[in-house]
C-alpha atoms as a PDB file:
ATOM      1  CA  MET A   1      12.644  26.637  -7.136  1.00  0.00           C
ATOM      2  CA  SER A   2      16.381  26.666  -6.645  1.00  0.00           C
ATOM      3  CA  ALA A   3      17.686  24.337  -3.964  1.00  0.00           C
ATOM      4  CA  ALA A   4      20.712  26.527  -3.238  1.00  0.00           C
ATOM      5  CA  SER A   5      19.057  29.946  -2.891  1.00  0.00           C
ATOM      6  CA  GLY A   6      15.425  28.984  -2.262  1.00  0.00           C
ATOM      7  CA  ARG A   7      14.251  31.459  -4.927  1.00  0.00           C
ATOM      8  CA  LEU A   8      11.849  30.770  -7.758  1.00  0.00           C
ATOM      9  CA  HIS A   9      13.394  31.001 -11.228  1.00  0.00           C
ATOM     10  CA  GLU A  10      11.319  31.372 -14.364  1.00  0.00           C
ATOM     11  CA  HIS A  11      12.607  29.303 -17.237  1.00  0.00           C
ATOM     12  CA  GLN A  12      11.586  30.179 -20.797  1.00  0.00           C
ATOM     13  CA  CYS A  13      11.421  27.303 -23.228  1.00  0.00           C
ATOM     14  CA  ASN A  14      12.872  27.845 -26.660  1.00  0.00           C
ATOM     15  CA  SER A  15      10.514  26.856 -29.432  1.00  0.00           C
ATOM     16  CA  ARG A  16      11.882  23.819 -31.191  1.00  0.00           C
ATOM     17  CA  ILE A  17      11.503  23.659 -34.913  1.00  0.00           C
ATOM     18  CA  THR A  18      11.848  20.193 -36.360  1.00  0.00           C
ATOM     19  CA  LYS A  19      14.394  20.089 -39.131  1.00  0.00           C
ATOM     20  CA  VAL A  20      13.747  18.133 -42.273  1.00  0.00           C
ATOM     21  CA  LYS A  21      16.690  16.761 -44.222  1.00  0.00           C
ATOM     22  CA  ARG A  22      16.158  18.533 -47.512  1.00  0.00           C
ATOM     23  CA  GLY A  23      19.607  19.868 -48.349  1.00  0.00           C
ATOM     24  CA  ASN A  24      19.622  23.350 -49.872  1.00  0.00           C
ATOM     25  CA  TYR A  25      16.206  22.910 -51.495  1.00  0.00           C
ATOM     26  CA  TYR A  26      13.370  25.138 -50.264  1.00  0.00           C
ATOM     27  CA  PRO A  27       9.949  24.222 -51.671  1.00  0.00           C
ATOM     28  CA  LEU A  28       7.918  27.137 -53.001  1.00  0.00           C
ATOM     29  CA  TYR A  29       4.600  25.497 -53.822  1.00  0.00           C
ATOM     30  CA  PRO A  30       2.489  22.762 -52.234  1.00  0.00           C
ATOM     31  CA  GLY A  31       3.542  19.379 -53.572  1.00  0.00           C
ATOM     32  CA  ASP A  32       7.141  20.384 -54.264  1.00  0.00           C
ATOM     33  CA  LEU A  33       8.512  18.256 -51.426  1.00  0.00           C
ATOM     34  CA  VAL A  34       6.547  15.191 -50.309  1.00  0.00           C
ATOM     35  CA  LYS A  35       7.863  12.537 -47.929  1.00  0.00           C
ATOM     36  CA  LEU A  36       6.634   8.963 -48.343  1.00  0.00           C
ATOM     37  CA  ASP A  37       7.019   6.231 -45.751  1.00  0.00           C
ATOM     38  CA  TYR A  38       5.503   2.895 -44.819  1.00  0.00           C
ATOM     39  CA  VAL A  39       5.112   1.001 -41.558  1.00  0.00           C
ATOM     40  CA  ILE A  40       4.396  -2.690 -41.114  1.00  0.00           C
ATOM     41  CA  LYS A  41       1.702  -3.404 -38.501  1.00  0.00           C
ATOM     42  CA  PHE A  42       0.933  -6.860 -37.157  1.00  0.00           C
ATOM     43  CA  ILE A  43      -2.606  -7.217 -35.856  1.00  0.00           C
ATOM     44  CA  GLY A  44      -2.821 -10.744 -34.518  1.00  0.00           C
ATOM     45  CA  GLU A  45      -1.443 -12.814 -37.389  1.00  0.00           C
ATOM     46  CA  ILE A  46      -2.549 -10.345 -40.057  1.00  0.00           C
ATOM     47  CA  ARG A  47       0.106  -8.119 -41.620  1.00  0.00           C
ATOM     48  CA  ARG A  48      -0.888  -4.629 -42.812  1.00  0.00           C
ATOM     49  CA  TYR A  49       1.241  -2.009 -44.521  1.00  0.00           C
ATOM     50  CA  ALA A  50       0.434   1.591 -43.609  1.00  0.00           C
ATOM     51  CA  VAL A  51       1.714   3.932 -46.317  1.00  0.00           C
ATOM     52  CA  SER A  52       1.792   7.633 -45.478  1.00  0.00           C
ATOM     53  CA  ALA A  53       2.713  10.852 -47.284  1.00  0.00           C
ATOM     54  CA  ILE A  54       3.422  14.259 -45.751  1.00  0.00           C
ATOM     55  CA  ASP A  55       3.691  17.477 -47.756  1.00  0.00           C
ATOM     56  CA  TYR A  56       6.411  19.734 -46.366  1.00  0.00           C
ATOM     57  CA  ASN A  57       5.020  23.072 -47.547  1.00  0.00           C
ATOM     58  CA  ASN A  58       1.391  22.964 -46.393  1.00  0.00           C
ATOM     59  CA  GLU A  59       1.691  20.098 -43.841  1.00  0.00           C
ATOM     60  CA  PHE A  60      -0.922  17.949 -45.594  1.00  0.00           C
ATOM     61  CA  ALA A  61      -0.796  14.305 -44.484  1.00  0.00           C
ATOM     62  CA  PHE A  62      -2.451  11.229 -45.976  1.00  0.00           C
ATOM     63  CA  SER A  63      -2.269   7.578 -44.946  1.00  0.00           C
ATOM     64  CA  HIS A  64      -3.724   4.343 -46.263  1.00  0.00           C
ATOM     65  CA  ALA A  65      -3.391   0.675 -45.219  1.00  0.00           C
ATOM     66  CA  TYR A  66      -2.777  -2.154 -47.706  1.00  0.00           C
ATOM     67  CA  SER A  67      -2.659  -5.923 -47.360  1.00  0.00           C
ATOM     68  CA  SER A  68       0.449  -6.209 -49.555  1.00  0.00           C
ATOM     69  CA  LEU A  69       3.220  -3.827 -50.472  1.00  0.00           C
ATOM     70  CA  SER A  70       3.959  -3.755 -54.187  1.00  0.00           C
ATOM     71  CA  SER A  71       4.690  -1.212 -56.893  1.00  0.00           C
ATOM     72  CA  ALA A  72       1.044  -1.369 -58.028  1.00  0.00           C
ATOM     73  CA  ARG A  73      -0.124  -0.502 -54.506  1.00  0.00           C
ATOM     74  CA  SER A  74       2.426   2.329 -54.351  1.00  0.00           C
ATOM     75  CA  MET A  75       1.146   3.798 -57.621  1.00  0.00           C
ATOM     76  CA  ASP A  76      -2.446   3.460 -56.369  1.00  0.00           C
ATOM     77  CA  PHE A  77      -1.463   5.329 -53.210  1.00  0.00           C
ATOM     78  CA  TRP A  78       0.351   8.024 -55.186  1.00  0.00           C
ATOM     79  CA  TYR A  79      -2.695   8.613 -57.415  1.00  0.00           C
ATOM     80  CA  GLU A  80      -4.883   8.949 -54.317  1.00  0.00           C
ATOM     81  CA  VAL A  81      -2.505  11.555 -52.855  1.00  0.00           C
ATOM     82  CA  ILE A  82      -2.402  13.590 -56.049  1.00  0.00           C
END
């Protein structure tokens, strides 16, 4: 409702599309563009590393928690995603 005129105005929301920084590359097939990320979580005094992967094309997401973050754990995670 407008304070000046006292009339009701309908406002249409524009749909927001989240942009992914991918340059000029447009993936054609599932698995062409996969984002990997990790987050450190402290639960009490225990440290856990949550590693996640998101496929851009088909919006598939996978996450797994590890007790340590190393290249061996990263390869294990990657083989689980594939």
